[in-house]
């Protein structure tokens, strides 16, 4: 199986929270690399994190699993993760499987 490059991340932070901007496709071939990079960023942040999906192009059901991994890590580290600008397709998949934690986050207009 070919090793694919992960989608690039943009990370900005201040003392109170970090903003992690995901860019590109959040689909199965990229999920593991994105998970590792974002979990590293969450762990390195001093406070809570905002994950911004405004530049995400394509998603599949694995992107929901990815979000659950981030929530689990944040809870373990006593931090809060907020998802903003979720793609409509991601909201639709979350609704389909009745995943309210994701479905009620902020979505792209």
Foldseek 3Di string as FASTA:
>chain_A
DDQDDAFDWDWDADLAEIEIETAEEAEDSRPVVVLVVVLVVCVPHNAAYEYEDQRYDYYDPVVVVSVVSVCVSCVVVVHYYAYEAAEPVNLVVCVVVVPVVPNPGHHRD
